[in-house]
């Protein structure tokens, strides 16, 4: 699999689900280009297809019709093994609850994620310490998630994503459980991440996140602001 740039092109992407005898159209002929260096806020009410779009961009699921290209890769052509390789090498996915393992420390949560990158122990340690310091978490490296505030857990989840060094960061409602101050902090960190050249795609209901975005994709009316 060749190196993929931080850009994704969606062309007439359609995704449907079945619910009993009903067919639910999650995305209908969606077309858009996501470029490196941008923070894209994907907005719209619940059920408008935000999480579906993110799962397709991350190759967690396949589109029914249309194409999603990342560099010279066509995500719909990837095998299950190739999908996993694509995610490991190119995509960091940030979930709403950050998916921190409660039995591991902050340092160990980052180390476990980086162990999939086949890096040396020295490089893993360097990346972890550098990223934790950047996000002002260095003094909390040996705490477990239960000993962190909600804002600290959010920054730890983001640190884990950033330490991987992947060119694409996808975040699903990363401020959903945060107060206004911490939501602004996370939004600012995501914008700074994109300013460094990565592509950041964020599904959000939060106006604070949308305010930091370089572009808004509104799935409610398929607008491209």
Protein backbone atom coordinates (compact mmCIF):
# COMPACT_ATOMS: atom_id res chain seq x y z
CA UNK A 1 0.00 0.00 0.00
CA UNK A 2 1.53 3.32 -1.07
CA UNK A 3 1.86 6.42 1.09
CA UNK A 4 -1.42 8.32 1.25
CA UNK A 5 -1.54 12.12 1.35
CA UNK A 6 -3.79 13.89 3.82
CA UNK A 7 -6.63 14.38 1.32
CA UNK A 8 -9.86 12.48 0.73
CA UNK A 9 -12.17 12.81 -2.29
CA UNK A 10 -15.75 11.52 -2.05
CA UNK A 11 -17.70 11.19 -5.31
CA UNK A 12 -21.44 10.42 -5.24
CA UNK A 13 -21.14 8.30 -2.09
CA UNK A 14 -24.33 6.53 -1.02
CA UNK A 15 -24.80 4.39 2.08
CA UNK A 16 -28.04 2.68 3.13
CA UNK A 17 -29.08 0.46 6.02
CA UNK A 18 -32.03 -1.83 6.45
CA UNK A 19 -34.33 -1.72 9.47
CA UNK A 20 -36.76 -4.57 9.10
CA UNK A 21 -38.60 -3.87 5.87
CA UNK A 22 -37.44 -0.25 5.76
CA UNK A 23 -34.41 1.08 3.91
CA UNK A 24 -32.67 4.01 5.60
CA UNK A 25 -30.55 6.27 3.42
CA UNK A 26 -27.72 7.52 5.62
CA UNK A 27 -25.85 9.29 2.79
CA UNK A 28 -27.25 10.04 -0.64
CA UNK A 29 -24.82 10.81 -3.50
CA UNK A 30 -22.48 12.73 -1.19
CA UNK A 31 -19.57 14.44 -2.91
CA UNK A 32 -16.86 16.50 -1.24
CA UNK A 33 -13.09 16.95 -1.08
CA UNK A 34 -11.30 17.04 2.27
CA UNK A 35 -7.80 18.53 2.05
CA UNK A 36 -4.77 18.39 4.31
CA UNK A 37 -4.29 21.45 6.51
CA UNK A 38 -8.04 21.87 6.99
CA UNK A 39 -10.29 21.38 10.00
CA UNK A 40 -13.61 20.22 8.54
CA UNK A 41 -16.64 20.38 10.84
CA UNK A 42 -19.33 17.92 9.73
CA UNK A 43 -22.64 19.15 11.13
CA UNK A 44 -26.30 18.20 11.01
CA UNK A 45 -28.94 16.77 13.33
CA UNK A 46 -28.86 13.25 14.71
CA UNK A 47 -29.55 10.80 11.92
CA UNK A 48 -28.18 13.03 9.17
CA UNK A 49 -25.25 10.68 8.49
CA UNK A 50 -22.34 12.26 10.36
CA UNK A 51 -21.08 9.08 12.04
CA UNK A 52 -21.76 7.09 8.88
CA UNK A 53 -19.57 9.47 6.88
CA UNK A 54 -16.75 9.22 9.40
CA UNK A 55 -16.87 5.41 9.37
CA UNK A 56 -16.59 5.44 5.57
CA UNK A 57 -13.68 7.91 5.57
CA UNK A 58 -11.88 5.69 8.09
CA UNK A 59 -12.60 2.52 6.07
CA UNK A 60 -14.53 1.04 8.97
CA UNK A 61 -17.41 0.43 6.55
CA UNK A 62 -17.94 0.31 2.79
CA UNK A 63 -20.08 2.65 0.68
CA UNK A 64 -22.89 1.03 -1.34
CA UNK A 65 -22.26 3.28 -4.34
CA UNK A 66 -19.76 5.97 -5.32
CA UNK A 67 -16.07 6.22 -4.57
CA UNK A 68 -13.83 7.44 -1.76
CA UNK A 69 -10.24 8.05 -2.82
CA UNK A 70 -7.28 8.74 -0.56
CA UNK A 71 -4.34 9.45 -2.82
CA UNK A 72 -4.17 6.50 -5.21
CA UNK A 73 -6.25 4.30 -2.89
CA UNK A 74 -9.89 3.51 -3.59
CA UNK A 75 -11.28 2.57 -0.17
CA UNK A 76 -14.07 0.46 -1.66
CA UNK A 77 -11.48 -1.81 -3.28
CA UNK A 78 -9.62 -2.61 -0.07
CA UNK A 79 -9.84 -6.05 1.50
CA UNK A 80 -10.55 -6.35 5.22
CA UNK A 81 -6.83 -6.73 5.91
CA UNK A 82 -6.01 -3.72 3.72
CA UNK A 83 -8.68 -1.68 5.52
CA UNK A 84 -7.01 -2.42 8.84
CA UNK A 85 -3.61 -1.49 7.41
CA UNK A 86 -5.03 1.77 6.03
CA UNK A 87 -6.45 2.69 9.45
CA UNK A 88 -3.26 1.79 11.29
CA UNK A 89 -1.00 3.75 8.96
CA UNK A 90 -3.08 6.74 7.94
CA UNK A 91 -6.03 7.35 10.26
CA UNK A 92 -6.35 8.27 13.92
CA UNK A 93 -9.96 7.95 15.14
CA UNK A 94 -11.14 9.85 18.20
CA UNK A 95 -14.36 8.52 19.75
CA UNK A 96 -16.79 10.58 21.88
CA UNK A 97 -15.71 8.87 25.12
CA UNK A 98 -12.06 8.66 23.94
CA UNK A 99 -11.96 4.88 24.58
CA UNK A 100 -9.21 5.05 27.20
CA UNK A 101 -8.55 1.71 28.87
CA UNK A 102 -9.32 2.24 32.59
CA UNK A 103 -6.73 -0.25 33.85
CA UNK A 104 -3.87 1.51 32.03
CA UNK A 105 -2.13 4.77 32.86
CA UNK A 106 -2.05 7.72 30.49
CA UNK A 107 1.42 6.65 29.34
CA UNK A 108 0.35 3.03 28.89
CA UNK A 109 -2.74 4.02 26.86
CA UNK A 110 -0.51 5.86 24.41
CA UNK A 111 2.09 3.09 24.40
CA UNK A 112 -0.50 0.43 23.57
CA UNK A 113 -1.74 2.43 20.58
CA UNK A 114 1.80 3.05 19.32
CA UNK A 115 2.74 -0.61 19.66
CA UNK A 116 0.74 -1.21 16.46
CA UNK A 117 3.13 1.07 14.54
CA UNK A 118 6.13 -1.30 14.81
CA UNK A 119 8.33 1.42 16.28
CA UNK A 120 11.35 0.97 18.52
CA UNK A 121 10.85 1.34 22.28
CA UNK A 122 12.99 4.47 22.15
CA UNK A 123 10.81 6.07 19.46
CA UNK A 124 7.59 5.11 21.26
CA UNK A 125 8.86 6.69 24.47
CA UNK A 126 10.04 9.82 22.61
CA UNK A 127 6.70 10.30 20.89
CA UNK A 128 4.71 9.76 24.08
CA UNK A 129 6.73 12.18 26.19
CA UNK A 130 6.85 14.82 23.47
CA UNK A 131 3.09 14.68 22.85
CA UNK A 132 2.18 14.63 26.54
CA UNK A 133 4.38 17.66 27.15
CA UNK A 134 2.83 19.47 24.18
CA UNK A 135 -0.65 18.94 25.63
CA UNK A 136 0.50 19.75 29.18
CA UNK A 137 -0.07 16.18 30.38
CA UNK A 138 3.51 15.25 31.26
CA UNK A 139 2.87 15.36 35.00
CA UNK A 140 -0.14 13.05 34.59
CA UNK A 141 1.60 10.29 32.63
CA UNK A 142 1.29 7.72 35.43
CA UNK A 143 -2.31 8.45 36.37
CA UNK A 144 -5.19 6.25 35.30
CA UNK A 145 -8.21 7.75 33.49
CA UNK A 146 -10.34 7.61 36.65
CA UNK A 147 -7.94 10.09 38.28
CA UNK A 148 -8.29 12.61 35.44
CA UNK A 149 -10.77 15.41 34.91
CA UNK A 150 -13.00 15.30 31.82
CA UNK A 151 -10.76 17.85 30.11
CA UNK A 152 -7.64 15.83 30.92
CA UNK A 153 -9.24 12.66 29.55
CA UNK A 154 -10.12 14.54 26.36
CA UNK A 155 -6.54 15.75 25.97
CA UNK A 156 -5.25 12.23 26.65
CA UNK A 157 -7.45 10.83 23.89
CA UNK A 158 -6.20 13.52 21.55
CA UNK A 159 -2.59 12.89 22.62
CA UNK A 160 -2.96 9.22 21.73
CA UNK A 161 -4.25 10.19 18.28
CA UNK A 162 -1.51 12.75 17.69
CA UNK A 163 1.35 10.54 18.88
CA UNK A 164 0.55 8.06 16.12
CA UNK A 165 1.63 10.69 13.58
CA UNK A 166 -1.04 9.67 11.07
CA UNK A 167 -1.91 12.25 8.38
CA UNK A 168 -5.68 11.99 8.93
CA UNK A 169 -7.45 12.64 12.24
CA UNK A 170 -11.15 11.80 12.43
CA UNK A 171 -13.07 12.82 15.55
CA UNK A 172 -16.67 11.88 16.37
CA UNK A 173 -18.27 14.42 18.75
CA UNK A 174 -15.03 14.97 20.72
CA UNK A 175 -16.57 17.69 22.93
CA UNK A 176 -19.88 15.95 23.64
CA UNK A 177 -19.13 15.41 27.34
CA UNK A 178 -17.07 18.54 28.02
CA UNK A 179 -17.88 21.90 29.55
CA UNK A 180 -17.56 25.04 27.43
CA UNK A 181 -13.99 25.82 28.49
CA UNK A 182 -12.65 22.35 27.74
CA UNK A 183 -14.65 22.19 24.51
CA UNK A 184 -12.89 25.34 23.31
CA UNK A 185 -9.54 23.89 24.35
CA UNK A 186 -10.11 20.69 22.35
CA UNK A 187 -11.39 22.66 19.35
CA UNK A 188 -8.27 24.82 19.44
CA UNK A 189 -6.00 21.76 19.64
CA UNK A 190 -7.74 20.20 16.64
CA UNK A 191 -7.31 23.41 14.65
CA UNK A 192 -3.61 23.55 15.58
CA UNK A 193 -3.25 19.94 14.46
CA UNK A 194 -4.65 20.80 11.03
CA UNK A 195 -2.40 23.88 10.82
CA UNK A 196 0.53 21.46 10.99
CA UNK A 197 -0.62 19.90 7.70
CA UNK A 198 -2.88 17.06 8.81
CA UNK A 199 -6.46 16.63 7.70
CA UNK A 200 -8.89 16.91 10.62
CA UNK A 201 -12.53 15.88 10.10
CA UNK A 202 -14.83 16.42 13.08
CA UNK A 203 -18.48 15.41 13.41
CA UNK A 204 -20.03 17.81 15.87
CA UNK A 205 -23.12 19.51 17.26
CA UNK A 206 -20.91 22.01 19.08
CA UNK A 207 -20.82 25.58 17.74
CA UNK A 208 -17.44 26.06 19.44
CA UNK A 209 -15.90 23.36 17.26
CA UNK A 210 -17.55 24.68 14.11
CA UNK A 211 -16.23 28.16 14.93
CA UNK A 212 -12.64 26.85 14.84
CA UNK A 213 -13.16 24.95 11.57
CA UNK A 214 -11.76 26.19 8.28
CA UNK A 215 -14.82 24.74 6.54
CA UNK A 216 -18.23 23.38 7.51
CA UNK A 217 -19.99 20.50 5.72
CA UNK A 218 -23.65 20.58 6.76
CA UNK A 219 -25.30 17.23 6.05
CA UNK A 220 -28.73 18.63 6.84
CA UNK A 221 -28.86 20.36 3.46
CA UNK A 222 -25.61 19.02 2.00
CA UNK A 223 -24.15 22.54 2.12
CA UNK A 224 -20.47 23.32 1.68
CA UNK A 225 -19.69 26.51 3.62
